[in-house]
Amino acid sequence: RYESGQVLAPHFDANQAAEVEDANRGGQTLATLIVYLNDVDKGGLTRFGKLPATNTTSDPREKNLTVKPKKGEALLFFPADRNSRFDEMMEHEGCPADDEKWIARIWRHTSRVPQPFGLSEKNLSTL
């Protein structure tokens, strides 16, 4: 949940040293899925500051690729390639919104995320 005016500074979901630094969290982040849980009338964009805008960008004034939060829509991107190589172009940020912004985020890592961050074998077997 993002409160009105709250931001998430530019960052990467992948890590250049993931084999060491993220070993206890499942290793490199290969994919990020953001599901937007509410509409945000003003602001709240997800901005990719190293990618140019396209004709489908949500705000024609933006020079970078942006995604406007819309309830029920999702954004899928790949912070690293299938060989776990970090992609520096996937830097992104959460821009300030006039209203609250709600998201659900799912990461896919190279390995299963162990407890306490991931699910136990017992819980996985029930899925």
Protein backbone atom coordinates (compact mmCIF):
# COMPACT_ATOMS: atom_id res chain seq x y z
CA ARG A 1 0.00 0.00 0.00
CA TYR A 2 1.20 3.46 -0.90
CA GLU A 3 -0.33 6.36 0.99
CA SER A 4 -1.14 9.62 -0.77
CA GLY A 5 2.11 11.28 -1.86
CA GLN A 6 4.27 8.28 -0.96
CA VAL A 7 6.95 7.20 -3.46
CA LEU A 8 9.24 4.26 -4.03
CA ALA A 9 12.62 5.60 -5.19
CA PRO A 10 14.24 4.24 -8.37
CA HIS A 11 15.46 0.71 -7.71
CA PHE A 12 16.16 -2.71 -9.23
CA ASP A 13 14.38 -5.93 -8.32
CA ALA A 14 17.38 -7.97 -9.50
CA ASN A 15 20.82 -7.84 -7.93
CA GLN A 16 24.23 -7.89 -9.61
CA ALA A 17 25.56 -10.03 -6.72
CA ALA A 18 22.43 -12.17 -6.29
CA GLU A 19 24.30 -15.48 -5.97
CA VAL A 20 25.78 -14.25 -2.70
CA GLU A 21 23.49 -11.51 -1.41
CA ASP A 22 20.16 -13.17 -2.26
CA ALA A 23 21.09 -16.81 -1.67
CA ASN A 24 18.75 -17.14 1.31
CA ARG A 25 15.89 -15.53 -0.65
CA GLY A 26 15.81 -17.82 -3.66
CA GLY A 27 18.61 -16.22 -5.65
CA GLN A 28 18.23 -13.84 -8.55
CA THR A 29 14.84 -12.25 -9.29
CA LEU A 30 13.94 -13.38 -12.79
CA ALA A 31 10.43 -11.90 -13.07
CA THR A 32 8.29 -9.33 -11.29
CA LEU A 33 4.50 -9.25 -11.53
CA ILE A 34 2.71 -6.20 -10.17
CA VAL A 35 -1.09 -6.39 -9.97
CA TYR A 36 -2.85 -3.07 -9.52
CA LEU A 37 -5.65 -3.40 -6.97
CA ASN A 38 -7.26 0.01 -7.39
CA ASP A 39 -7.58 2.84 -9.89
CA VAL A 40 -5.46 5.91 -9.19
CA ASP A 41 -6.88 9.04 -10.81
CA LYS A 42 -3.77 11.23 -10.57
CA GLY A 43 -0.18 10.07 -10.33
CA GLY A 44 0.91 6.70 -8.96
CA LEU A 45 2.66 5.74 -12.18
CA THR A 46 5.25 3.00 -12.33
CA ARG A 47 8.12 4.60 -14.27
CA PHE A 48 11.02 2.86 -16.00
CA GLY A 49 13.56 5.69 -16.07
CA LYS A 50 15.97 4.02 -18.49
CA LEU A 51 13.38 2.97 -21.07
CA PRO A 52 11.95 5.42 -23.61
CA ALA A 53 8.25 6.14 -23.78
CA THR A 54 6.21 4.30 -26.39
CA ASN A 55 2.97 5.20 -28.12
CA THR A 56 1.19 3.18 -25.43
CA THR A 57 2.72 5.07 -22.49
CA SER A 58 0.11 6.23 -20.02
CA ASP A 59 1.09 9.91 -20.03
CA PRO A 60 2.12 11.55 -23.31
CA ARG A 61 4.16 14.15 -21.36
CA GLU A 62 6.45 11.41 -20.04
CA LYS A 63 9.77 10.82 -21.83
CA ASN A 64 10.17 7.42 -20.14
CA LEU A 65 8.02 4.31 -20.18
CA THR A 66 5.26 4.61 -17.58
CA VAL A 67 2.35 2.43 -16.52
CA LYS A 68 -0.78 3.93 -14.98
CA PRO A 69 -2.36 1.86 -12.20
CA LYS A 70 -5.71 0.45 -13.27
CA LYS A 71 -7.66 -1.94 -11.07
CA GLY A 72 -7.33 -5.53 -12.26
CA GLU A 73 -4.47 -4.91 -14.68
CA ALA A 74 -0.98 -6.32 -14.24
CA LEU A 75 2.56 -5.43 -15.21
CA LEU A 76 5.07 -8.21 -15.89
CA PHE A 77 8.74 -7.49 -16.45
CA PHE A 78 12.04 -9.32 -16.26
CA PRO A 79 14.74 -7.76 -14.02
CA ALA A 80 17.24 -10.44 -15.11
CA ASP A 81 17.41 -12.82 -18.04
CA ARG A 82 16.90 -16.59 -17.83
CA ASN A 83 20.63 -16.99 -17.15
CA SER A 84 20.30 -14.70 -14.09
CA ARG A 85 22.12 -11.82 -15.76
CA PHE A 86 21.09 -8.48 -14.21
CA ASP A 87 19.38 -6.04 -16.60
CA GLU A 88 20.29 -2.44 -15.76
CA MET A 89 17.50 -1.15 -18.01
CA MET A 90 14.85 -2.48 -15.58
CA GLU A 91 15.34 0.26 -13.00
CA HIS A 92 11.88 1.48 -11.99
CA GLU A 93 10.10 3.60 -9.41
CA GLY A 94 6.70 4.23 -7.90
CA CYS A 95 5.70 7.85 -8.50
CA PRO A 96 3.61 9.82 -5.98
CA ALA A 97 -0.16 9.48 -6.20
CA ASP A 98 -2.86 11.87 -5.08
CA ASP A 99 -4.78 8.90 -3.69
CA GLU A 100 -3.82 5.61 -2.09
CA LYS A 101 -2.31 3.03 -4.42
CA TRP A 102 -2.67 -0.68 -3.71
CA ILE A 103 -0.63 -3.38 -5.43
CA ALA A 104 0.16 -7.06 -5.07
CA ARG A 105 3.68 -8.02 -6.08
CA ILE A 106 4.99 -11.47 -6.93
CA TRP A 107 8.62 -12.27 -7.66
CA ARG A 108 9.96 -15.36 -9.45
CA HIS A 109 13.45 -16.31 -8.32
CA THR A 110 15.94 -18.81 -9.71
CA SER A 111 15.28 -21.17 -6.77
CA ARG A 112 12.54 -21.82 -4.27
CA VAL A 113 12.46 -19.21 -1.53
CA PRO A 114 13.09 -20.97 1.80
CA GLN A 115 11.24 -20.25 5.01
CA PRO A 116 10.65 -17.88 6.71
CA PHE A 117 10.20 -15.85 3.49
CA GLY A 118 8.82 -18.66 1.33
CA LEU A 119 6.27 -21.41 1.79
CA SER A 120 7.05 -24.63 3.58
CA GLU A 121 7.14 -27.93 1.67
CA LYS A 122 3.86 -28.88 3.38
CA ASN A 123 2.13 -25.70 2.21
CA LEU A 124 3.56 -26.06 -1.29
CA SER A 125 2.19 -29.60 -1.58
CA THR A 126 -1.36 -28.35 -0.97
CA LEU A 127 -1.30 -25.87 -3.86
